[in-house]
Structure formats: C-alpha cells, structure tokens
Amino acid sequence: MSETTTPTTPDPLTPAEGTPAAVTPPAPVEGAAPKADAAAAGTSLIGSPTPKEGTEPKPAEKPVEDIQLKLPDGVKVDEKFLGDFKGIAKELQLKSEGAQKLVDLHLNFVNNLAKEFADAGTKRAADWMKAVESDPDLGGSKIKDTSLTVHKAVQKFGGDEFRKSVDEMGLGNWPPLVKFLHRVGATLKDDTAAIGATPAATPTNDDEAFHRSLYDKSPGMFSAK
C-alpha cells in the first residue's frame, strides 16, 4: 500500500526556492543624525547658510540729512511745532529744499489769511461809521457833537485801558456801543451845563474841546489861558 503525500501550501512570507531574499535596510544607529543633501537642507557645502529666494539682505538706508529751514525776519515759530514738522519731514525722507517749500507755502497761506482778516475788519469799521453818520440822532450835522460826547464818556468812566481794548477789538465804530456811550456822555453834558460858567482852572485839550461844543457862541471865554 503506497503512502499518500499531502501537498503543502507555500508560506507567502517565505521566498520561493531560487528567489533572492529581500534586503532588509540596516536599523539606524541610536544617536546618529540622518544625513541630508546639503542643498536641500539650505546650507552650502562649507556649512554657511544659503540665502533663500526672496530673502536677500536689503541695502542699508542712507541717513536722512538734518532739515535746515529759513524763516523770514520777524517771524516767530513755536519750537515744539517746528520740531514736530522736522520729524515728519525726516519720516517722509524730505530734503531741506522740499521742507522749505512746504514752510513757504504755509507762511504764504497764513499771511494771506491775516490780510483778508484785516481788510474785512477795515471794511466793517467803515460800514459801521456810515451807519452812525446816517443815524438821525447821531449823524449828519450832529456827528461832531456825537464824537465829543462819546469821548467824554470814555474819558470819564473807561480811561485809556478801555479805549485801547475797544480799538484792538475793532469796535470803535460799532453803532450799539456808540449809542450807549453817547447816552452816558449826554448825562455828563447835562451835569456840566447845570454847574454854570466856571470851567476848570487848568482844562485839558479834550475838556476844552468839550466846553467849546457847549459854548460855541462864546468863543472869547477860551481865549485867555
């Protein structure tokens, strides 16, 4: 009786006879760093860094020159403002010539604005004067007496300080103020007329002019000093 041989199934993990075995890569040595291509690692062959594309060093910026400005004679500028302006000019990398043009432009603008303001004040004062001259109670043939009466009130109650302030504000011909001072001065005129004929011993020029307006029909009373 012959023996029956059972065929065996080859192990898929075992290489067939005559087939070269697969080469297993050696295990990495503990502590050893893997080697990499020098160019891929971003370093040159001698170990210095290789600049990447788009990261070239920028050339050093040239130092900005100090801003030199020339101001017209008599023009005073706040030092802090001038310092701030120079700082901005340096940030914008302006040279002295360019910064000077901006300063000149600003000064011209300020001067033109001041002139327009002064011209407007002059015109306003002239318009107010015309309004006073056309007033039936103050103007016309009465304008001279109005001026003396107003001046009397200012001299009595306001003095030089009040007059100076009014002139600086450009209100010397403002009709409401002229009317008010005229009323005040008129009360002083009445008081003076009630006193009688005895003038002050040493009248000032203004007082003399005032009394002349009251006694214009008796000019002889002012002839002797």
C-alpha atoms as a PDB file:
ATOM      1  CA  MET A   1       0.000   0.000   0.000  1.00  0.00           C
ATOM      2  CA  SER A   2       1.507   3.179  -1.160  1.00  0.00           C
ATOM      3  CA  GLU A   3       1.775   6.330   1.015  1.00  0.00           C
ATOM      4  CA  THR A   4      -0.295   9.313   0.061  1.00  0.00           C
ATOM      5  CA  THR A   5       1.656  12.557   0.064  1.00  0.00           C
ATOM      6  CA  THR A   6      -0.300  15.678   1.045  1.00  0.00           C
ATOM      7  CA  PRO A   7       0.850  18.736  -0.885  1.00  0.00           C
ATOM      8  CA  THR A   8       1.903  21.621   1.290  1.00  0.00           C
ATOM      9  CA  THR A   9       0.895  25.238   0.638  1.00  0.00           C
ATOM     10  CA  PRO A  10       3.914  27.515   0.340  1.00  0.00           C
ATOM     11  CA  ASP A  11       4.186  30.246   3.006  1.00  0.00           C
ATOM     12  CA  PRO A  12       3.631  33.586   1.246  1.00  0.00           C
ATOM     13  CA  LEU A  13       6.137  35.215   3.576  1.00  0.00           C
ATOM     14  CA  THR A  14       8.824  32.681   2.773  1.00  0.00           C
ATOM     15  CA  PRO A  15      10.636  33.296  -0.514  1.00  0.00           C
ATOM     16  CA  ALA A  16      10.393  30.561  -3.001  1.00  0.00           C
ATOM     17  CA  GLU A  17      13.414  28.405  -3.659  1.00  0.00           C
ATOM     18  CA  GLY A  18      15.791  30.129  -6.003  1.00  0.00           C
ATOM     19  CA  THR A  19      14.326  33.606  -5.340  1.00  0.00           C
ATOM     20  CA  PRO A  20      16.723  36.060  -3.710  1.00  0.00           C
ATOM     21  CA  ALA A  21      15.635  37.170  -0.296  1.00  0.00           C
ATOM     22  CA  ALA A  22      14.539  40.762   0.212  1.00  0.00           C
ATOM     23  CA  VAL A  23      17.236  43.065   1.532  1.00  0.00           C
ATOM     24  CA  THR A  24      16.336  44.499   4.894  1.00  0.00           C
ATOM     25  CA  PRO A  25      17.771  48.034   5.480  1.00  0.00           C
ATOM     26  CA  PRO A  26      20.022  48.248   8.479  1.00  0.00           C
ATOM     27  CA  ALA A  27      18.467  49.664  11.597  1.00  0.00           C
ATOM     28  CA  PRO A  28      19.524  53.219  12.372  1.00  0.00           C
ATOM     29  CA  VAL A  29      22.204  53.609  14.977  1.00  0.00           C
ATOM     30  CA  GLU A  30      20.904  55.246  18.109  1.00  0.00           C
ATOM     31  CA  GLY A  31      22.119  58.855  18.407  1.00  0.00           C
ATOM     32  CA  ALA A  32      23.212  59.201  14.812  1.00  0.00           C
ATOM     33  CA  ALA A  33      21.528  62.052  12.857  1.00  0.00           C
ATOM     34  CA  PRO A  34      20.306  61.187   9.389  1.00  0.00           C
ATOM     35  CA  LYS A  35      22.356  62.702   6.621  1.00  0.00           C
ATOM     36  CA  ALA A  36      20.604  65.107   4.241  1.00  0.00           C
ATOM     37  CA  ASP A  37      21.502  66.691   0.998  1.00  0.00           C
ATOM     38  CA  ALA A  38      23.382  69.968   1.624  1.00  0.00           C
ATOM     39  CA  ALA A  39      21.392  71.958  -0.916  1.00  0.00           C
ATOM     40  CA  ALA A  40      18.084  70.546   0.322  1.00  0.00           C
ATOM     41  CA  ALA A  41      18.988  71.402   3.896  1.00  0.00           C
ATOM     42  CA  GLY A  42      19.519  75.019   2.935  1.00  0.00           C
ATOM     43  CA  THR A  43      23.228  75.081   3.670  1.00  0.00           C
ATOM     44  CA  SER A  44      26.249  75.410   1.466  1.00  0.00           C
ATOM     45  CA  LEU A  45      28.959  72.787   1.198  1.00  0.00           C
ATOM     46  CA  ILE A  46      31.048  74.547   3.831  1.00  0.00           C
ATOM     47  CA  GLY A  47      28.166  74.920   6.246  1.00  0.00           C
ATOM     48  CA  SER A  48      27.268  78.612   5.876  1.00  0.00           C
ATOM     49  CA  PRO A  49      23.596  79.481   5.423  1.00  0.00           C
ATOM     50  CA  THR A  50      22.343  79.581   1.860  1.00  0.00           C
ATOM     51  CA  PRO A  51      20.037  82.581   1.290  1.00  0.00           C
ATOM     52  CA  LYS A  52      16.589  81.566   0.245  1.00  0.00           C
ATOM     53  CA  GLU A  53      14.839  83.099  -2.716  1.00  0.00           C
ATOM     54  CA  GLY A  54      13.353  86.496  -1.930  1.00  0.00           C
ATOM     55  CA  THR A  55      15.288  86.936   1.332  1.00  0.00           C
ATOM     56  CA  GLU A  56      18.321  88.810   0.028  1.00  0.00           C
ATOM     57  CA  PRO A  57      19.599  91.357   2.561  1.00  0.00           C
ATOM     58  CA  LYS A  58      18.346  94.900   1.935  1.00  0.00           C
ATOM     59  CA  PRO A  59      20.897  97.602   1.336  1.00  0.00           C
ATOM     60  CA  ALA A  60      21.415  99.921   4.296  1.00  0.00           C
ATOM     61  CA  GLU A  61      19.263 103.062   4.120  1.00  0.00           C
ATOM     62  CA  LYS A  62      21.084 106.330   3.752  1.00  0.00           C
ATOM     63  CA  PRO A  63      20.812 108.553   6.826  1.00  0.00           C
ATOM     64  CA  VAL A  64      18.322 111.389   6.381  1.00  0.00           C
ATOM     65  CA  GLU A  65      20.011 114.780   6.436  1.00  0.00           C
ATOM     66  CA  ASP A  66      19.130 117.306   9.110  1.00  0.00           C
ATOM     67  CA  ILE A  67      16.388 119.672   7.964  1.00  0.00           C
ATOM     68  CA  GLN A  68      17.554 123.265   7.591  1.00  0.00           C
ATOM     69  CA  LEU A  69      14.835 125.914   7.325  1.00  0.00           C
ATOM     70  CA  LYS A  70      14.940 129.673   6.733  1.00  0.00           C
ATOM     71  CA  LEU A  71      12.233 131.845   8.234  1.00  0.00           C
ATOM     72  CA  PRO A  72      11.533 135.467   7.248  1.00  0.00           C
ATOM     73  CA  ASP A  73      12.768 138.192   9.570  1.00  0.00           C
ATOM     74  CA  GLY A  74      10.388 138.837  12.414  1.00  0.00           C
ATOM     75  CA  VAL A  75       8.576 135.503  12.078  1.00  0.00           C
ATOM     76  CA  LYS A  76       8.468 133.535  15.321  1.00  0.00           C
ATOM     77  CA  VAL A  77       7.500 129.871  15.277  1.00  0.00           C
ATOM     78  CA  ASP A  78       6.713 127.667  18.250  1.00  0.00           C
ATOM     79  CA  GLU A  79       9.739 125.435  18.840  1.00  0.00           C
ATOM     80  CA  LYS A  80       7.631 122.344  19.524  1.00  0.00           C
ATOM     81  CA  PHE A  81       5.681 122.829  16.307  1.00  0.00           C
ATOM     82  CA  LEU A  82       8.928 123.307  14.383  1.00  0.00           C
ATOM     83  CA  GLY A  83      10.397 120.152  15.903  1.00  0.00           C
ATOM     84  CA  ASP A  84       7.302 118.116  15.041  1.00  0.00           C
ATOM     85  CA  PHE A  85       7.424 119.402  11.465  1.00  0.00           C
ATOM     86  CA  LYS A  86      11.076 118.433  11.057  1.00  0.00           C
ATOM     87  CA  GLY A  87      10.358 114.979  12.447  1.00  0.00           C
ATOM     88  CA  ILE A  88       7.594 114.402   9.899  1.00  0.00           C
ATOM     89  CA  ALA A  89       9.806 115.735   7.110  1.00  0.00           C
ATOM     90  CA  LYS A  90      12.506 113.215   8.052  1.00  0.00           C
ATOM     91  CA  GLU A  91       9.992 110.354   8.128  1.00  0.00           C
ATOM     92  CA  LEU A  92       8.970 111.304   4.601  1.00  0.00           C
ATOM     93  CA  GLN A  93      12.666 111.460   3.677  1.00  0.00           C
ATOM     94  CA  LEU A  94      12.373 115.059   2.547  1.00  0.00           C
ATOM     95  CA  LYS A  95      15.430 117.159   1.997  1.00  0.00           C
ATOM     96  CA  SER A  96      15.816 120.704   3.237  1.00  0.00           C
ATOM     97  CA  GLU A  97      14.755 122.080  -0.133  1.00  0.00           C
ATOM     98  CA  GLY A  98      11.461 120.190  -0.139  1.00  0.00           C
ATOM     99  CA  ALA A  99      10.724 121.017   3.505  1.00  0.00           C
ATOM    100  CA  GLN A 100      11.440 124.700   2.829  1.00  0.00           C
ATOM    101  CA  LYS A 101       8.838 124.739   0.058  1.00  0.00           C
ATOM    102  CA  LEU A 102       6.205 123.442   2.467  1.00  0.00           C
ATOM    103  CA  VAL A 103       7.152 126.072   5.051  1.00  0.00           C
ATOM    104  CA  ASP A 104       6.967 128.856   2.458  1.00  0.00           C
ATOM    105  CA  LEU A 105       3.560 127.611   1.319  1.00  0.00           C
ATOM    106  CA  HIS A 106       2.271 127.611   4.901  1.00  0.00           C
ATOM    107  CA  LEU A 107       3.616 131.111   5.622  1.00  0.00           C
ATOM    108  CA  ASN A 108       2.055 132.498   2.440  1.00  0.00           C
ATOM    109  CA  PHE A 109      -1.277 130.986   3.415  1.00  0.00           C
ATOM    110  CA  VAL A 110      -1.097 132.481   6.921  1.00  0.00           C
ATOM    111  CA  ASN A 111      -0.098 135.922   5.594  1.00  0.00           C
ATOM    112  CA  ASN A 112      -2.923 135.945   3.057  1.00  0.00           C
ATOM    113  CA  LEU A 113      -5.382 134.875   5.738  1.00  0.00           C
ATOM    114  CA  ALA A 114      -4.200 137.651   8.073  1.00  0.00           C
ATOM    115  CA  LYS A 115      -4.503 140.234   5.292  1.00  0.00           C
ATOM    116  CA  GLU A 116      -8.016 139.103   4.427  1.00  0.00           C
ATOM    117  CA  PHE A 117      -8.968 139.317   8.103  1.00  0.00           C
ATOM    118  CA  ALA A 118      -7.516 142.832   8.420  1.00  0.00           C
ATOM    119  CA  ASP A 119      -9.222 144.000   5.234  1.00  0.00           C
ATOM    120  CA  ALA A 120     -12.532 142.606   6.461  1.00  0.00           C
ATOM    121  CA  GLY A 121     -12.100 144.468   9.767  1.00  0.00           C
ATOM    122  CA  THR A 122     -11.344 147.727   7.972  1.00  0.00           C
ATOM    123  CA  LYS A 123     -14.402 147.372   5.760  1.00  0.00           C
ATOM    124  CA  ARG A 124     -16.593 146.503   8.731  1.00  0.00           C
ATOM    125  CA  ALA A 125     -15.422 149.601  10.649  1.00  0.00           C
ATOM    126  CA  ALA A 126     -16.135 151.775   7.588  1.00  0.00           C
ATOM    127  CA  ASP A 127     -19.609 150.293   7.226  1.00  0.00           C
ATOM    128  CA  TRP A 128     -20.322 150.922  10.895  1.00  0.00           C
ATOM    129  CA  MET A 129     -19.158 154.520  10.565  1.00  0.00           C
ATOM    130  CA  LYS A 130     -21.533 155.043   7.657  1.00  0.00           C
ATOM    131  CA  ALA A 131     -24.353 153.635   9.773  1.00  0.00           C
ATOM    132  CA  VAL A 132     -23.584 156.105  12.587  1.00  0.00           C
ATOM    133  CA  GLU A 133     -23.351 159.018  10.149  1.00  0.00           C
ATOM    134  CA  SER A 134     -26.745 158.137   8.707  1.00  0.00           C
ATOM    135  CA  ASP A 135     -28.387 157.822  12.147  1.00  0.00           C
ATOM    136  CA  PRO A 136     -30.880 160.701  12.653  1.00  0.00           C
ATOM    137  CA  ASP A 137     -29.881 161.170  16.301  1.00  0.00           C
ATOM    138  CA  LEU A 138     -26.124 160.803  15.915  1.00  0.00           C
ATOM    139  CA  GLY A 139     -25.115 161.584  12.346  1.00  0.00           C
ATOM    140  CA  GLY A 140     -25.425 164.346   9.843  1.00  0.00           C
ATOM    141  CA  SER A 141     -24.713 167.754  11.361  1.00  0.00           C
ATOM    142  CA  LYS A 142     -24.612 166.138  14.818  1.00  0.00           C
ATOM    143  CA  ILE A 143     -21.679 163.822  14.110  1.00  0.00           C
ATOM    144  CA  LYS A 144     -19.074 166.178  15.598  1.00  0.00           C
ATOM    145  CA  ASP A 145     -21.029 166.635  18.813  1.00  0.00           C
ATOM    146  CA  THR A 146     -21.615 162.891  18.933  1.00  0.00           C
ATOM    147  CA  SER A 147     -17.897 162.235  18.746  1.00  0.00           C
ATOM    148  CA  LEU A 148     -17.135 164.688  21.579  1.00  0.00           C
ATOM    149  CA  THR A 149     -19.909 163.306  23.760  1.00  0.00           C
ATOM    150  CA  VAL A 150     -18.787 159.716  23.279  1.00  0.00           C
ATOM    151  CA  HIS A 151     -15.195 160.671  24.011  1.00  0.00           C
ATOM    152  CA  LYS A 152     -16.286 162.401  27.208  1.00  0.00           C
ATOM    153  CA  ALA A 153     -17.969 159.223  28.453  1.00  0.00           C
ATOM    154  CA  VAL A 154     -14.941 157.113  27.623  1.00  0.00           C
ATOM    155  CA  GLN A 155     -12.579 159.563  29.306  1.00  0.00           C
ATOM    156  CA  LYS A 156     -14.738 159.719  32.438  1.00  0.00           C
ATOM    157  CA  PHE A 157     -15.553 156.049  33.005  1.00  0.00           C
ATOM    158  CA  GLY A 158     -13.328 153.978  30.753  1.00  0.00           C
ATOM    159  CA  GLY A 159      -9.932 155.589  30.507  1.00  0.00           C
ATOM    160  CA  ASP A 160      -7.039 154.590  28.305  1.00  0.00           C
ATOM    161  CA  GLU A 161      -7.350 150.876  29.072  1.00  0.00           C
ATOM    162  CA  PHE A 162     -10.952 150.753  27.897  1.00  0.00           C
ATOM    163  CA  ARG A 163     -10.177 152.789  24.779  1.00  0.00           C
ATOM    164  CA  LYS A 164      -7.224 150.549  23.904  1.00  0.00           C
ATOM    165  CA  SER A 165      -9.277 147.378  24.323  1.00  0.00           C
ATOM    166  CA  VAL A 166     -12.089 148.725  22.146  1.00  0.00           C
ATOM    167  CA  ASP A 167      -9.632 149.718  19.421  1.00  0.00           C
ATOM    168  CA  GLU A 168      -7.886 146.316  19.489  1.00  0.00           C
ATOM    169  CA  MET A 169     -11.211 144.546  19.059  1.00  0.00           C
ATOM    170  CA  GLY A 170     -12.196 146.893  16.231  1.00  0.00           C
ATOM    171  CA  LEU A 171     -15.366 148.044  17.975  1.00  0.00           C
ATOM    172  CA  GLY A 172     -14.695 151.797  17.923  1.00  0.00           C
ATOM    173  CA  ASN A 173     -17.470 152.445  15.399  1.00  0.00           C
ATOM    174  CA  TRP A 174     -19.916 149.731  16.456  1.00  0.00           C
ATOM    175  CA  PRO A 175     -23.308 151.514  16.395  1.00  0.00           C
ATOM    176  CA  PRO A 176     -24.778 149.937  19.568  1.00  0.00           C
ATOM    177  CA  LEU A 177     -21.648 150.855  21.562  1.00  0.00           C
ATOM    178  CA  VAL A 178     -21.578 154.390  20.128  1.00  0.00           C
ATOM    179  CA  LYS A 179     -25.247 154.903  21.036  1.00  0.00           C
ATOM    180  CA  PHE A 180     -24.682 153.638  24.568  1.00  0.00           C
ATOM    181  CA  LEU A 181     -21.652 155.858  25.175  1.00  0.00           C
ATOM    182  CA  HIS A 182     -23.459 158.817  23.645  1.00  0.00           C
ATOM    183  CA  ARG A 183     -26.287 158.409  26.165  1.00  0.00           C
ATOM    184  CA  VAL A 184     -23.756 158.216  29.010  1.00  0.00           C
ATOM    185  CA  GLY A 185     -21.897 161.248  27.717  1.00  0.00           C
ATOM    186  CA  ALA A 186     -25.147 163.195  27.358  1.00  0.00           C
ATOM    187  CA  THR A 187     -25.801 162.867  31.100  1.00  0.00           C
ATOM    188  CA  LEU A 188     -22.360 164.279  31.785  1.00  0.00           C
ATOM    189  CA  LYS A 189     -23.098 167.173  29.418  1.00  0.00           C
ATOM    190  CA  ASP A 190     -26.265 167.980  31.317  1.00  0.00           C
ATOM    191  CA  ASP A 191     -24.444 167.900  34.661  1.00  0.00           C
ATOM    192  CA  THR A 192     -21.730 170.193  33.336  1.00  0.00           C
ATOM    193  CA  ALA A 193     -24.227 172.672  31.918  1.00  0.00           C
ATOM    194  CA  ALA A 194     -26.041 172.837  35.255  1.00  0.00           C
ATOM    195  CA  ILE A 195     -22.874 173.697  37.116  1.00  0.00           C
ATOM    196  CA  GLY A 196     -22.580 177.086  35.488  1.00  0.00           C
ATOM    197  CA  ALA A 197     -19.909 179.130  33.844  1.00  0.00           C
ATOM    198  CA  THR A 198     -16.857 178.280  35.936  1.00  0.00           C
ATOM    199  CA  PRO A 199     -14.563 175.984  33.956  1.00  0.00           C
ATOM    200  CA  ALA A 200     -11.722 174.004  35.443  1.00  0.00           C
ATOM    201  CA  ALA A 201      -8.639 176.045  36.302  1.00  0.00           C
ATOM    202  CA  THR A 202      -6.346 174.036  34.005  1.00  0.00           C
ATOM    203  CA  PRO A 203      -8.561 172.280  31.450  1.00  0.00           C
ATOM    204  CA  THR A 204      -7.064 169.659  29.207  1.00  0.00           C
ATOM    205  CA  ASN A 205      -7.354 169.913  25.454  1.00  0.00           C
ATOM    206  CA  ASP A 206     -10.152 167.358  25.466  1.00  0.00           C
ATOM    207  CA  ASP A 207     -12.043 169.175  28.171  1.00  0.00           C
ATOM    208  CA  GLU A 208     -11.593 172.445  26.341  1.00  0.00           C
ATOM    209  CA  ALA A 209     -12.947 170.974  23.140  1.00  0.00           C
ATOM    210  CA  PHE A 210     -15.904 169.639  25.084  1.00  0.00           C
ATOM    211  CA  HIS A 211     -16.701 173.009  26.641  1.00  0.00           C
ATOM    212  CA  ARG A 212     -16.306 174.723  23.305  1.00  0.00           C
ATOM    213  CA  SER A 213     -19.031 172.439  21.949  1.00  0.00           C
ATOM    214  CA  LEU A 214     -21.288 173.632  24.772  1.00  0.00           C
ATOM    215  CA  TYR A 215     -20.491 177.339  24.477  1.00  0.00           C
ATOM    216  CA  ASP A 216     -19.733 177.711  20.805  1.00  0.00           C
ATOM    217  CA  LYS A 217     -21.472 181.109  20.838  1.00  0.00           C
ATOM    218  CA  SER A 218     -18.975 182.466  23.376  1.00  0.00           C
ATOM    219  CA  PRO A 219     -15.548 181.711  21.945  1.00  0.00           C
ATOM    220  CA  GLY A 220     -13.978 184.520  23.923  1.00  0.00           C
ATOM    221  CA  MET A 221     -14.231 182.639  27.186  1.00  0.00           C
ATOM    222  CA  PHE A 222     -11.476 180.292  25.952  1.00  0.00           C
ATOM    223  CA  SER A 223      -9.133 182.949  24.602  1.00  0.00           C
ATOM    224  CA  ALA A 224      -7.315 183.595  27.873  1.00  0.00           C
ATOM    225  CA  LYS A 225      -5.191 180.916  29.477  1.00  0.00           C
END
